[in-house]
Amino acid sequence: MKILYLLFAVFLLLFQATSGSADPLFADTVECRSQGRFCRAGACPPTFAATGTCHGGLLNCCSKILAE
């Protein structure tokens, strides 16, 4: 029974160590998200415009179109 507690503790440590691995690795993705925009594959939804790229140019960086 003690081995189960040990395995559970090791599992929790591994899970916490990999939880940050989903952070963006591309500079353009960090820049897009830091400005309150979002990344999307394909065209941006209506009322949004592509203002840059994400994930090394594979995705569009979409931002809200401001009404004039």
Foldseek 3Di string as FASTA:
>chain_A
DVVVVVVVVVVVVVCVVCPPVPDFPDPVQVVLVVVVWHWDADADDPQWHFPAHGPVRRTTTIDGDDDD
